Amino acid sequence: MLPIQAQIKITIDVEKMIHPYEKAFESTAQIAKREFGNSVSSHASNDYRKLHDIMEANCRENLPIIVVDPEEEREEYNTVEIASLRQRDFKTRIFISALHSTDNSFWVRTHHTDSTIHALSETFSYIEDYFEAAYARKSHIAAKATVTAGLTELLHMDKDEYCAFATIMGSGLSKNGSSTSFEIDKALVRSVKDIEIARHRLVILMDIIFNKIIIRRFLIDEDKVNIFRLIHCQTKGQRNKKSFIYAIFSFMLQSCMVFFVTAQVLLTDSVERDPTLAYGLYSLATLGSIFGLFALFPDLVNARTVLRIYGGFGPLQMIDFVVNVILPLVLVFIGWYLVSIQDNYIDAVIMTTALLFISEIDDQLPALVGLNTEVIVGNFLIREAKIDYNAYQGLSDEDIHKMIGGGENDDYDVEMQKSTNASSRGVDFNDFFITNSVEDHENTMYKPFSVIKSDYGHELDPSDFISYECLLQSVEWRYTDTSKIKPTLSYLRLVKMTGSVVEIDFSNGERGESFRIDGAFIITHFVTSSTYISTLRLCGSESAASLLKALDYYSLWELSSDARSMLKKNK
């Protein structure tokens, strides 16, 4: 069983720690003093040496800084860096700087280096510009222009690229932004005492974006758009309300059809049928009613998300509820009776089909009248992001702390509070680059991997959704050579949430430093050869409950019902 608050821990082979390279162990201070002239200054350009100094002065996790110039072609760390690696964990962090001499100000910090320029650096630069404009310069016009550009790009990303972005960003926002550091500079964060509020404001600013992604996923990816929701997206805040006629037409048509069906039932006298025919009709009527309940169920489950789209109760929201909940419920019971009194099976099938079609009219109408769903929803989300940003402008530091801390917000009422999932903001979640792989996402598969134990060879297969086979509670590994900047793995041990264990061993009995993390994890990138594992990347949380929140909040991969149940069970 996964512990309620599983702690991430690293276990290191003691013998290897004392004699990692068959020589006496020196303290970090001794090594630094002896090889200071050969450390960062000998392996980094002036720009990266400056970045090292800035990070060392501003990153406050008590972790040694390792900066590797990506233009250098060296393959191994120097001795100072090897000693520093032993003091670093495997969480991914973010550093936002005012340094532009390297043409980058958003740095992804992994276990292996603090100077990673990710393949999606252009997208991350939107986030840095967004934060700088909103928080540091308070240029709200620039902030809204940047959030428009950034959100537009995210809405049009393919799934692999978006998930790669969201897992890294989620790492920085983890535990209310505690994994994000800033350069103390008048152009960014002015003083050390401002770091906490800067982190909290970044969480709220990104909350604006991620809540729009949630709505987009619901309406477009999960195909939950109907004429009422689409007309709301098209007309909210707009003067032109002509398209309301489509919503009114759909409501009148569906209401009239249900009314006449009901009237027919009330006006029909009871009839006697052949018992053999009756049993068949009862069976068909029951199956049709069950199908009607299945069609009704998603709207009940997603009622809060639908309410979030409308921004609260209103005319279109009430019409949507009536058409997609009340009327289908009426049809389930009345329809059963109508089907059961038909004179023959053909009429019963036609009646069942007609009754089921009534609930689908509002879903089919957008395509019939030629409305471009993706464009309308995209424009709506951008307008809503600007509205939420306007609400953000009015929030004091005290308001921000209340929102982050989960305290009462009765003292103020802002539009953005209605459309946010407060319990998931800043949730514990991390990206783990076990190997030092900065992927080019045009050529990389970034997906959840199923881990399947077999007597004929274990299988790690990419999937488009998360099944229970993907969920891990413990990961242990050893490197082939820890001095390599891009190390490979000689040993991997995976403990699934089901309790089964999968081991991949290329070590030939050789021992090395052993590392382990416990919690709730998913493998997101895996590449192996016949002699070593070249790439391993994970995402996860200290608890299953946090992982479940993060997967939903950041709109990552779909969860199968058994995977969701397993995460809830192990929370």
Protein backbone atom coordinates (compact mmCIF):
# COMPACT_ATOMS: atom_id res chain seq x y z
CA MET A 1 0.00 0.00 0.00
CA LEU A 2 1.23 3.47 -0.85
CA PRO A 3 1.72 5.58 2.34
CA ILE A 4 -0.55 8.59 2.78
CA GLN A 5 2.34 11.01 2.71
CA ALA A 6 5.09 9.08 0.93
CA GLN A 7 8.37 10.88 1.27
CA ILE A 8 10.74 11.16 -1.63
CA LYS A 9 14.08 9.85 -0.53
CA ILE A 10 17.40 9.04 -2.06
CA THR A 11 19.42 6.10 -0.83
CA ILE A 12 23.08 6.03 -1.73
CA ASP A 13 25.36 3.04 -1.62
CA VAL A 14 27.67 3.75 1.35
CA GLU A 15 30.69 1.94 -0.07
CA LYS A 16 30.41 3.81 -3.35
CA MET A 17 29.94 7.08 -1.48
CA ILE A 18 33.21 6.57 0.37
CA HIS A 19 35.23 5.28 -2.58
CA PRO A 20 33.33 6.20 -5.76
CA TYR A 21 36.39 6.08 -8.00
CA GLU A 22 38.80 3.97 -5.94
CA LYS A 23 40.30 7.04 -4.26
CA ALA A 24 39.87 8.74 -0.90
CA PHE A 25 36.82 10.96 -0.57
CA GLU A 26 37.47 14.68 -0.24
CA SER A 27 34.99 17.17 1.15
CA THR A 28 33.32 19.57 -1.26
CA ALA A 29 35.16 22.47 0.36
CA GLN A 30 38.55 20.78 -0.11
CA ILE A 31 37.85 19.98 -3.73
CA ALA A 32 36.53 23.45 -4.44
CA LYS A 33 39.63 25.07 -2.91
CA ARG A 34 42.02 22.78 -4.79
CA GLU A 35 40.30 22.97 -8.17
CA PHE A 36 38.60 26.36 -8.10
CA GLY A 37 40.59 27.54 -11.10
CA ASN A 38 39.46 24.50 -13.10
CA SER A 39 35.77 24.46 -12.18
CA VAL A 40 33.11 26.69 -13.70
CA SER A 41 35.52 29.25 -15.14
CA SER A 42 37.34 26.61 -17.20
CA HIS A 43 34.17 25.01 -18.55
CA ALA A 44 31.78 27.84 -19.20
CA SER A 45 31.66 30.92 -21.32
CA ASN A 46 31.41 34.35 -19.70
CA ASP A 47 27.64 34.27 -20.09
CA TYR A 48 27.24 30.94 -18.34
CA ARG A 49 29.78 31.87 -15.68
CA LYS A 50 27.65 34.93 -14.98
CA LEU A 51 24.53 32.74 -14.90
CA HIS A 52 26.26 30.45 -12.37
CA ASP A 53 26.98 33.42 -10.10
CA ILE A 54 23.41 34.73 -10.41
CA MET A 55 21.89 31.34 -9.57
CA GLU A 56 24.27 30.81 -6.68
CA ALA A 57 23.20 34.16 -5.23
CA ASN A 58 19.45 33.70 -5.80
CA CYS A 59 18.56 30.00 -5.56
CA ARG A 60 17.89 29.27 -1.91
CA GLU A 61 17.31 25.51 -1.74
CA ASN A 62 20.80 24.92 -0.25
CA LEU A 63 21.70 22.91 -3.35
CA PRO A 64 25.04 23.41 -5.14
CA ILE A 65 24.72 24.98 -8.58
CA ILE A 66 25.91 23.16 -11.70
CA VAL A 67 26.01 25.16 -14.92
CA VAL A 68 27.07 23.42 -18.12
CA ASP A 69 27.48 25.46 -21.29
CA PRO A 70 25.47 23.54 -23.92
CA GLU A 71 27.89 24.65 -26.64
CA GLU A 72 30.74 22.79 -24.96
CA GLU A 73 31.30 19.28 -26.16
CA ARG A 74 32.69 17.78 -22.97
CA GLU A 75 31.19 14.46 -21.86
CA GLU A 76 32.13 14.36 -18.17
CA TYR A 77 31.67 16.49 -15.09
CA ASN A 78 34.72 17.86 -13.31
CA THR A 79 35.45 16.76 -9.76
CA VAL A 80 33.69 19.73 -8.17
CA GLU A 81 30.54 19.02 -10.15
CA ILE A 82 30.62 15.29 -9.30
CA ALA A 83 30.76 16.16 -5.61
CA SER A 84 27.92 18.63 -6.08
CA LEU A 85 25.71 16.03 -7.79
CA ARG A 86 25.62 13.94 -4.61
CA GLN A 87 23.91 16.80 -2.78
CA ARG A 88 21.21 17.40 -5.39
CA ASP A 89 17.79 15.72 -5.58
CA PHE A 90 15.91 14.78 -8.75
CA LYS A 91 13.09 17.30 -8.73
CA THR A 92 12.82 19.67 -11.67
CA ARG A 93 12.89 23.34 -10.74
CA ILE A 94 12.55 26.64 -12.58
CA PHE A 95 14.72 29.75 -12.49
CA ILE A 96 13.51 33.01 -14.02
CA SER A 97 16.23 35.59 -14.57
CA ALA A 98 16.66 39.07 -15.95
CA LEU A 99 19.81 37.88 -17.73
CA HIS A 100 19.33 38.02 -21.49
CA SER A 101 22.95 37.72 -22.64
CA THR A 102 22.40 34.02 -23.37
CA ASP A 103 19.14 34.77 -25.21
CA ASN A 104 17.30 32.88 -22.48
CA SER A 105 15.77 33.95 -19.18
CA PHE A 106 13.71 30.86 -18.30
CA TRP A 107 15.85 27.99 -17.06
CA VAL A 108 14.80 24.41 -16.41
CA ARG A 109 16.86 23.04 -13.50
CA THR A 110 17.23 19.27 -13.37
CA HIS A 111 19.39 17.00 -11.24
CA HIS A 112 22.07 17.07 -13.91
CA THR A 113 22.36 20.78 -14.65
CA ASP A 114 20.81 24.13 -13.80
CA SER A 115 21.34 25.55 -17.28
CA THR A 116 18.94 23.46 -19.37
CA ILE A 117 17.47 25.28 -22.36
CA HIS A 118 14.42 23.18 -23.14
CA ALA A 119 13.18 22.39 -26.63
CA LEU A 120 10.04 24.40 -25.77
CA SER A 121 12.03 27.44 -24.62
CA GLU A 122 10.04 29.74 -26.91
CA THR A 123 6.83 28.76 -25.14
CA PHE A 124 8.45 29.18 -21.72
CA SER A 125 9.63 32.65 -22.75
CA TYR A 126 5.96 33.67 -23.01
CA ILE A 127 5.56 32.71 -19.35
CA GLU A 128 8.58 34.78 -18.31
CA ASP A 129 7.33 37.78 -20.31
CA TYR A 130 3.83 37.32 -18.87
CA PHE A 131 5.11 37.27 -15.29
CA GLU A 132 7.52 40.15 -15.83
CA ALA A 133 4.83 42.36 -17.39
CA ALA A 134 2.18 41.49 -14.78
CA TYR A 135 4.29 41.46 -11.64
CA ALA A 136 7.47 43.46 -12.13
CA ARG A 137 6.56 46.17 -14.63
CA LYS A 138 2.79 46.11 -13.99
CA SER A 139 2.30 46.77 -17.68
CA HIS A 140 -1.17 45.26 -17.91
CA ILE A 141 -1.54 45.92 -21.63
CA ALA A 142 1.66 43.97 -22.29
CA ALA A 143 0.59 41.21 -19.88
CA LYS A 144 -2.75 40.72 -21.63
CA ALA A 145 -1.06 40.72 -25.03
CA THR A 146 1.42 38.10 -23.80
CA VAL A 147 -1.21 35.86 -22.19
CA THR A 148 -3.16 36.02 -25.46
CA ALA A 149 -0.12 34.90 -27.49
CA GLY A 150 0.92 32.24 -24.99
CA LEU A 151 -2.56 30.79 -24.54
CA THR A 152 -3.09 30.71 -28.31
CA GLU A 153 0.09 28.69 -28.74
CA LEU A 154 -0.85 26.27 -25.95
CA LEU A 155 -4.34 25.76 -27.38
CA HIS A 156 -2.85 24.71 -30.73
CA MET A 157 -0.05 22.48 -29.40
CA ASP A 158 -0.19 18.78 -30.04
CA LYS A 159 -0.75 16.61 -26.99
CA ASP A 160 2.85 15.46 -26.49
CA GLU A 161 4.25 18.98 -26.59
CA TYR A 162 1.59 20.38 -24.30
CA CYS A 163 2.11 17.64 -21.69
CA ALA A 164 5.89 18.18 -21.81
CA PHE A 165 5.29 21.88 -21.14
CA ALA A 166 2.70 21.30 -18.41
CA THR A 167 4.78 18.78 -16.44
CA ILE A 168 7.77 21.12 -16.28
CA MET A 169 5.59 24.12 -15.44
CA GLY A 170 3.75 22.05 -12.84
CA SER A 171 7.10 21.25 -11.22
CA GLY A 172 7.86 24.94 -10.83
CA LEU A 173 4.40 25.64 -9.39
CA SER A 174 4.58 22.63 -7.03
CA LYS A 175 3.78 23.40 -3.38
CA ASN A 176 2.63 26.92 -4.21
CA GLY A 177 5.62 27.81 -6.35
CA SER A 178 8.32 26.72 -3.92
CA SER A 179 10.30 25.14 -6.78
CA THR A 180 10.57 28.43 -8.67
CA SER A 181 13.40 30.89 -8.01
CA PHE A 182 13.90 34.42 -9.32
CA GLU A 183 16.83 36.70 -9.91
CA ILE A 184 16.70 39.57 -7.43
CA ASP A 185 16.72 42.50 -9.82
CA LYS A 186 14.76 45.73 -10.12
CA ALA A 187 13.44 44.48 -13.47
CA LEU A 188 12.03 41.27 -11.95
CA VAL A 189 11.78 40.66 -8.17
CA ARG A 190 13.14 43.60 -6.21
CA SER A 191 14.13 42.01 -2.89
CA VAL A 192 14.39 38.71 -1.04
CA LYS A 193 11.32 39.49 1.06
CA ASP A 194 9.25 39.67 -2.15
CA ILE A 195 10.06 36.10 -3.28
CA GLU A 196 7.11 34.46 -1.54
CA ILE A 197 4.49 36.82 -2.96
CA ALA A 198 6.18 36.59 -6.39
CA ARG A 199 5.80 32.80 -6.29
CA HIS A 200 2.19 33.03 -5.20
CA ARG A 201 1.35 35.56 -7.90
CA LEU A 202 2.97 33.30 -10.51
CA VAL A 203 0.72 30.44 -9.32
CA ILE A 204 -2.38 32.66 -9.72
CA LEU A 205 -1.26 33.98 -13.11
CA MET A 206 -0.74 30.43 -14.39
CA ASP A 207 -4.06 29.41 -12.83
CA ILE A 208 -5.72 31.75 -15.33
CA ILE A 209 -4.12 29.83 -18.18
CA PHE A 210 -4.58 26.28 -16.90
CA ASN A 211 -8.26 26.83 -16.14
CA LYS A 212 -8.78 27.81 -19.77
CA ILE A 213 -6.99 24.65 -20.88
CA ILE A 214 -9.38 22.61 -18.69
CA ILE A 215 -12.39 24.14 -20.46
CA ARG A 216 -10.84 23.61 -23.89
CA ARG A 217 -10.14 19.97 -23.08
CA PHE A 218 -13.74 19.46 -21.92
CA LEU A 219 -15.41 21.15 -24.89
CA ILE A 220 -13.10 20.18 -27.74
CA ASP A 221 -11.00 17.15 -26.79
CA GLU A 222 -13.82 15.37 -24.96
CA ASP A 223 -16.43 16.62 -27.47
CA LYS A 224 -18.80 18.01 -24.83
CA VAL A 225 -19.83 21.08 -26.82
CA ASN A 226 -23.48 21.65 -27.71
CA ILE A 227 -25.37 24.55 -29.27
CA PHE A 228 -26.07 26.24 -25.92
CA ARG A 229 -22.47 26.16 -24.73
CA LEU A 230 -21.19 27.22 -28.13
CA ILE A 231 -23.59 30.15 -28.39
CA HIS A 232 -22.55 31.24 -24.91
CA CYS A 233 -18.90 31.15 -26.02
CA GLN A 234 -19.73 33.13 -29.16
CA THR A 235 -21.91 35.83 -27.62
CA LYS A 236 -20.57 36.47 -24.11
CA GLY A 237 -19.31 40.03 -23.98
CA GLN A 238 -20.28 40.63 -27.62
CA ARG A 239 -22.92 43.01 -28.96
CA ASN A 240 -24.07 40.70 -31.72
CA LYS A 241 -26.54 38.24 -30.19
CA LYS A 242 -28.13 37.02 -33.45
CA SER A 243 -26.87 33.48 -33.01
CA PHE A 244 -29.12 33.13 -29.95
CA ILE A 245 -31.77 32.11 -32.46
CA TYR A 246 -30.04 28.72 -32.86
CA ALA A 247 -30.20 28.06 -29.12
CA ILE A 248 -33.85 29.14 -28.94
CA PHE A 249 -34.71 26.94 -31.95
CA SER A 250 -33.04 23.89 -30.42
CA PHE A 251 -34.74 24.43 -27.05
CA MET A 252 -38.18 24.87 -28.63
CA LEU A 253 -37.79 21.86 -30.93
CA GLN A 254 -36.58 19.49 -28.22
CA SER A 255 -39.13 20.74 -25.68
CA CYS A 256 -41.99 20.37 -28.15
CA MET A 257 -40.95 16.85 -29.08
CA VAL A 258 -40.82 15.78 -25.41
CA PHE A 259 -44.16 17.50 -24.76
CA PHE A 260 -45.87 15.67 -27.61
CA VAL A 261 -44.34 12.36 -26.57
CA THR A 262 -45.66 12.91 -23.06
CA ALA A 263 -49.08 13.88 -24.38
CA GLN A 264 -49.22 10.73 -26.47
CA VAL A 265 -48.54 8.61 -23.40
CA LEU A 266 -51.27 10.36 -21.41
CA LEU A 267 -53.80 9.95 -24.23
CA THR A 268 -53.04 6.30 -24.98
CA ASP A 269 -55.28 3.66 -23.52
CA SER A 270 -53.77 0.50 -22.14
CA VAL A 271 -53.41 -2.26 -24.71
CA GLU A 272 -53.06 -6.01 -24.52
CA ARG A 273 -50.28 -7.71 -26.40
CA ASP A 274 -49.17 -11.21 -27.12
CA PRO A 275 -46.96 -12.29 -24.15
CA THR A 276 -44.14 -13.36 -26.49
CA LEU A 277 -44.15 -9.94 -28.16
CA ALA A 278 -44.42 -8.19 -24.80
CA TYR A 279 -41.25 -9.80 -23.43
CA GLY A 280 -39.27 -8.63 -26.43
CA LEU A 281 -40.68 -5.11 -26.19
CA TYR A 282 -39.92 -4.94 -22.46
CA SER A 283 -36.35 -5.97 -23.16
CA LEU A 284 -35.90 -3.36 -25.89
CA ALA A 285 -37.53 -0.65 -23.77
CA THR A 286 -35.27 -1.45 -20.82
CA LEU A 287 -32.10 -1.45 -22.92
CA GLY A 288 -33.11 1.84 -24.54
CA SER A 289 -33.73 3.41 -21.12
CA ILE A 290 -30.35 2.21 -19.86
CA PHE A 291 -28.70 3.79 -22.90
CA GLY A 292 -30.57 7.01 -22.15
CA LEU A 293 -29.18 6.98 -18.59
CA PHE A 294 -25.67 6.43 -19.93
CA ALA A 295 -26.09 9.46 -22.20
CA LEU A 296 -27.40 11.50 -19.27
CA PHE A 297 -24.65 10.52 -16.81
CA PRO A 298 -21.76 12.66 -18.22
CA ASP A 299 -23.79 15.87 -17.87
CA LEU A 300 -24.49 15.05 -14.23
CA VAL A 301 -20.85 14.21 -13.48
CA ASN A 302 -19.55 17.34 -15.25
CA ALA A 303 -22.18 19.72 -13.87
CA ARG A 304 -19.54 21.82 -12.07
CA THR A 305 -17.40 22.13 -15.20
CA VAL A 306 -20.45 23.19 -17.23
CA LEU A 307 -21.33 25.76 -14.57
CA ARG A 308 -17.73 27.04 -14.76
CA ILE A 309 -18.11 27.56 -18.53
CA TYR A 310 -21.20 29.71 -18.01
CA GLY A 311 -19.59 31.56 -15.09
CA GLY A 312 -22.55 30.76 -12.84
CA PHE A 313 -26.29 30.42 -13.20
CA GLY A 314 -28.01 32.16 -16.12
CA PRO A 315 -30.63 31.73 -18.86
CA LEU A 316 -28.50 29.64 -21.24
CA GLN A 317 -27.12 27.57 -18.37
CA MET A 318 -30.66 26.77 -17.17
CA ILE A 319 -31.79 25.90 -20.70
CA ASP A 320 -28.74 23.65 -21.09
CA PHE A 321 -29.58 21.91 -17.80
CA VAL A 322 -33.22 21.39 -18.77
CA VAL A 323 -32.42 20.05 -22.24
CA ASN A 324 -29.54 17.79 -21.20
CA VAL A 325 -30.69 16.60 -17.77
CA ILE A 326 -34.42 17.12 -17.17
CA LEU A 327 -35.77 16.21 -20.63
CA PRO A 328 -33.59 13.07 -21.03
CA LEU A 329 -34.71 11.93 -17.59
CA VAL A 330 -38.34 12.35 -18.62
CA LEU A 331 -37.69 10.42 -21.83
CA VAL A 332 -36.12 7.52 -19.93
CA PHE A 333 -39.38 6.75 -18.14
CA ILE A 334 -41.94 7.83 -20.72
CA GLY A 335 -39.92 6.29 -23.52
CA TRP A 336 -39.90 2.93 -21.78
CA TYR A 337 -43.69 2.90 -21.73
CA LEU A 338 -44.02 4.05 -25.34
CA VAL A 339 -41.69 1.35 -26.66
CA SER A 340 -43.39 -1.34 -24.61
CA ILE A 341 -46.86 -0.69 -26.12
CA GLN A 342 -45.85 -0.92 -29.79
CA ASP A 343 -47.63 -3.42 -32.03
CA ASN A 344 -44.49 -4.95 -33.55
CA TYR A 345 -40.73 -5.00 -33.22
CA ILE A 346 -40.03 -2.72 -36.19
CA ASP A 347 -42.19 0.07 -34.75
CA ALA A 348 -40.50 -0.44 -31.37
CA VAL A 349 -37.02 -0.06 -32.90
CA ILE A 350 -38.09 3.07 -34.80
CA MET A 351 -39.61 4.53 -31.62
CA THR A 352 -36.46 3.80 -29.60
CA THR A 353 -34.28 5.45 -32.24
CA ALA A 354 -36.53 8.53 -32.41
CA LEU A 355 -36.58 8.95 -28.63
CA LEU A 356 -32.79 8.69 -28.37
CA PHE A 357 -32.37 11.21 -31.18
CA ILE A 358 -34.28 13.94 -29.33
CA SER A 359 -31.47 14.40 -26.81
CA GLU A 360 -28.87 14.63 -29.59
CA ILE A 361 -30.36 17.58 -31.49
CA ASP A 362 -28.46 20.27 -29.55
CA ASP A 363 -25.21 18.30 -30.01
CA GLN A 364 -25.65 17.99 -33.79
CA LEU A 365 -26.87 21.52 -34.49
CA PRO A 366 -23.47 23.37 -34.43
CA ALA A 367 -22.18 21.31 -37.36
CA LEU A 368 -25.47 21.58 -39.26
CA VAL A 369 -25.50 25.40 -39.14
CA GLY A 370 -21.76 25.65 -39.95
CA LEU A 371 -20.38 27.00 -36.68
CA ASN A 372 -16.59 26.62 -36.32
CA THR A 373 -16.37 25.11 -32.86
CA GLU A 374 -12.59 25.33 -32.32
CA VAL A 375 -12.35 28.97 -33.41
CA ILE A 376 -15.33 30.06 -31.32
CA VAL A 377 -14.11 28.24 -28.20
CA GLY A 378 -10.53 29.51 -28.67
CA ASN A 379 -11.64 33.14 -28.98
CA PHE A 380 -13.91 32.74 -25.95
CA LEU A 381 -11.10 31.36 -23.80
CA ILE A 382 -8.78 34.23 -24.73
CA ARG A 383 -11.47 36.78 -23.83
CA GLU A 384 -12.09 34.97 -20.54
CA ALA A 385 -8.36 34.96 -19.76
CA LYS A 386 -8.30 38.73 -20.16
CA ILE A 387 -11.35 39.08 -17.89
CA ASP A 388 -9.65 36.94 -15.25
CA TYR A 389 -6.49 38.99 -15.61
CA ASN A 390 -8.51 42.18 -15.02
CA ALA A 391 -9.77 40.57 -11.80
CA TYR A 392 -6.19 39.66 -10.87
CA GLN A 393 -5.17 43.31 -11.12
CA GLY A 394 -7.49 44.15 -8.26
CA LEU A 395 -6.08 41.55 -5.89
CA SER A 396 -3.91 42.77 -3.04
CA ASP A 397 -1.03 40.71 -1.63
CA GLU A 398 -3.31 39.74 1.26
CA ASP A 399 -5.94 38.49 -1.20
CA ILE A 400 -3.30 36.44 -3.02
CA HIS A 401 -2.13 34.82 0.22
CA LYS A 402 -5.72 33.93 1.08
CA MET A 403 -6.26 32.31 -2.30
CA ILE A 404 -3.03 30.33 -2.06
CA GLY A 405 -3.57 29.36 1.55
CA GLY A 406 -7.10 28.16 0.91
CA GLY A 407 -8.53 30.61 3.41
CA GLU A 408 -11.92 32.29 3.30
CA ASN A 409 -12.41 34.72 0.43
CA ASP A 410 -15.68 36.23 1.63
CA ASP A 411 -14.15 39.69 1.91
CA TYR A 412 -13.92 40.01 -1.85
CA ASP A 413 -15.69 38.60 -4.86
CA VAL A 414 -13.79 38.43 -8.14
CA GLU A 415 -14.79 36.84 -11.39
CA MET A 416 -11.77 34.61 -11.41
CA GLN A 417 -12.76 32.95 -8.14
CA LYS A 418 -15.82 31.47 -9.87
CA SER A 419 -13.79 29.69 -12.50
CA THR A 420 -10.94 28.16 -10.55
CA ASN A 421 -10.24 24.90 -8.76
CA ALA A 422 -8.67 26.30 -5.60
CA SER A 423 -7.83 22.92 -4.08
CA SER A 424 -5.52 22.05 -6.98
CA ARG A 425 -3.59 25.30 -7.36
CA GLY A 426 0.07 24.77 -6.50
CA VAL A 427 -0.47 21.03 -5.95
CA ASP A 428 2.58 18.87 -5.20
CA PHE A 429 3.77 17.55 -8.57
CA ASN A 430 7.20 17.04 -10.13
CA ASP A 431 8.96 16.18 -13.35
CA PHE A 432 11.97 13.88 -12.87
CA PHE A 433 14.73 13.78 -15.49
CA ILE A 434 16.47 10.63 -14.30
CA THR A 435 18.74 10.84 -17.33
CA ASN A 436 19.95 14.14 -18.75
CA SER A 437 17.79 14.25 -21.86
CA VAL A 438 16.69 17.57 -23.33
CA GLU A 439 14.31 16.24 -25.93
CA ASP A 440 13.46 17.65 -29.29
CA HIS A 441 9.69 17.15 -29.11
CA GLU A 442 9.28 17.02 -32.86
CA ASN A 443 11.03 13.66 -32.74
CA THR A 444 10.18 12.43 -29.25
CA MET A 445 7.30 10.38 -27.94
CA TYR A 446 6.19 11.93 -24.62
CA LYS A 447 3.44 9.68 -23.30
CA PRO A 448 2.57 7.57 -20.25
CA PHE A 449 4.22 4.14 -20.42
CA SER A 450 2.48 0.94 -19.39
CA VAL A 451 4.72 -1.34 -17.35
CA ILE A 452 3.83 -4.98 -17.99
CA LYS A 453 5.51 -7.82 -16.16
CA SER A 454 6.01 -10.98 -18.17
CA ASP A 455 7.91 -14.24 -17.86
CA TYR A 456 9.01 -13.74 -21.46
CA GLY A 457 10.49 -10.27 -21.03
CA HIS A 458 9.05 -7.18 -19.41
CA GLU A 459 7.32 -4.60 -21.59
CA LEU A 460 7.31 -0.80 -21.29
CA ASP A 461 4.92 0.46 -23.92
CA PRO A 462 3.78 4.05 -24.67
CA SER A 463 0.07 4.72 -24.37
CA ASP A 464 -2.32 7.58 -25.16
CA PHE A 465 -3.99 7.29 -21.75
CA ILE A 466 -3.09 6.28 -18.20
CA SER A 467 -4.16 2.79 -17.20
CA TYR A 468 -3.48 1.06 -13.89
CA GLU A 469 -0.48 -0.57 -15.60
CA CYS A 470 1.18 2.87 -15.77
CA LEU A 471 1.03 3.64 -12.04
CA LEU A 472 4.17 3.14 -9.95
CA GLN A 473 4.79 3.57 -6.23
CA SER A 474 8.57 3.21 -6.16
CA VAL A 475 11.43 3.63 -8.63
CA GLU A 476 15.03 2.59 -7.95
CA TRP A 477 17.97 2.88 -10.33
CA ARG A 478 21.76 2.86 -10.72
CA TYR A 479 23.86 4.75 -13.25
CA THR A 480 26.46 3.16 -15.49
CA ASP A 481 28.87 6.04 -14.80
CA THR A 482 27.91 9.03 -12.61
CA SER A 483 30.72 11.17 -14.02
CA LYS A 484 28.98 11.40 -17.38
CA ILE A 485 27.02 14.56 -18.13
CA LYS A 486 24.53 12.39 -20.01
CA PRO A 487 24.61 9.19 -17.97
CA THR A 488 22.91 5.91 -18.83
CA LEU A 489 21.29 3.43 -16.45
CA SER A 490 22.59 -0.05 -15.75
CA TYR A 491 19.77 -1.06 -13.41
CA LEU A 492 16.10 -0.15 -12.96
CA ARG A 493 13.58 -1.50 -10.44
CA LEU A 494 9.93 -0.50 -10.70
CA VAL A 495 7.32 -1.29 -8.04
CA LYS A 496 3.81 -0.91 -9.43
CA MET A 497 0.79 0.17 -7.39
CA THR A 498 -0.54 -3.33 -7.91
CA GLY A 499 2.45 -4.59 -5.90
CA SER A 500 4.25 -6.39 -8.74
CA VAL A 501 7.94 -5.66 -9.32
CA VAL A 502 9.70 -5.21 -12.67
CA GLU A 503 13.51 -5.25 -12.81
CA ILE A 504 15.73 -4.41 -15.76
CA ASP A 505 19.36 -5.25 -15.03
CA PHE A 506 22.32 -4.60 -17.33
CA SER A 507 24.86 -4.31 -14.50
CA ASN A 508 26.33 -7.84 -14.69
CA GLY A 509 26.46 -7.91 -10.90
CA GLU A 510 28.45 -4.68 -10.57
CA ARG A 511 27.34 -2.37 -7.77
CA GLY A 512 27.09 1.40 -8.00
CA GLU A 513 25.30 4.29 -6.43
CA SER A 514 21.68 3.39 -5.85
CA PHE A 515 18.91 6.00 -5.96
CA ARG A 516 15.26 5.60 -5.07
CA ILE A 517 12.12 7.72 -4.99
CA ASP A 518 8.81 6.72 -3.39
CA GLY A 519 5.37 8.17 -4.05
CA ALA A 520 3.09 7.98 -7.09
CA PHE A 521 4.72 8.09 -10.53
CA ILE A 522 4.26 7.60 -14.25
CA ILE A 523 7.04 6.95 -16.77
CA THR A 524 6.77 9.57 -19.52
CA HIS A 525 9.81 8.81 -21.66
CA PHE A 526 11.81 5.60 -21.90
CA VAL A 527 14.50 4.48 -24.34
CA THR A 528 16.65 1.38 -23.95
CA SER A 529 19.17 -0.61 -25.90
CA SER A 530 20.41 -4.16 -25.38
CA THR A 531 23.11 -3.00 -22.91
CA TYR A 532 21.78 0.06 -21.06
CA ILE A 533 18.84 2.42 -20.57
CA SER A 534 19.63 5.69 -22.33
CA THR A 535 16.57 7.76 -21.36
CA LEU A 536 14.24 7.72 -18.37
CA ARG A 537 11.86 10.49 -17.38
CA LEU A 538 9.05 10.38 -14.84
CA CYS A 539 6.38 12.63 -13.46
CA GLY A 540 4.68 12.18 -10.12
CA SER A 541 3.88 13.32 -6.60
CA GLU A 542 4.57 12.36 -3.03
CA SER A 543 1.02 10.98 -2.72
CA ALA A 544 -1.49 9.39 -5.07
CA ALA A 545 -4.10 12.03 -4.18
CA SER A 546 -1.76 14.83 -5.29
CA LEU A 547 -0.96 13.05 -8.54
CA LEU A 548 -4.66 12.67 -9.31
CA LYS A 549 -5.25 16.39 -8.69
CA ALA A 550 -2.28 17.35 -10.84
CA LEU A 551 -3.31 15.17 -13.79
CA ASP A 552 -6.75 16.80 -13.84
CA TYR A 553 -5.63 20.37 -13.09
CA TYR A 554 -2.90 20.46 -15.74
CA SER A 555 -5.11 18.67 -18.30
CA LEU A 556 -2.58 15.90 -18.87
CA TRP A 557 -3.44 12.43 -20.14
CA GLU A 558 -6.83 10.78 -19.77
CA LEU A 559 -7.19 8.38 -16.86
CA SER A 560 -8.94 5.06 -17.28
CA SER A 561 -11.59 4.30 -14.68
CA ASP A 562 -9.44 1.61 -13.04
CA ALA A 563 -6.43 3.97 -12.82
CA ARG A 564 -8.56 6.72 -11.25
CA SER A 565 -9.98 4.24 -8.75
CA MET A 566 -6.50 3.01 -7.86
CA LEU A 567 -5.23 6.55 -7.21
CA LYS A 568 -8.25 7.28 -5.04
CA LYS A 569 -7.80 4.03 -3.15
CA ASN A 570 -4.11 4.71 -2.44
CA LYS A 571 -4.50 8.36 -1.46
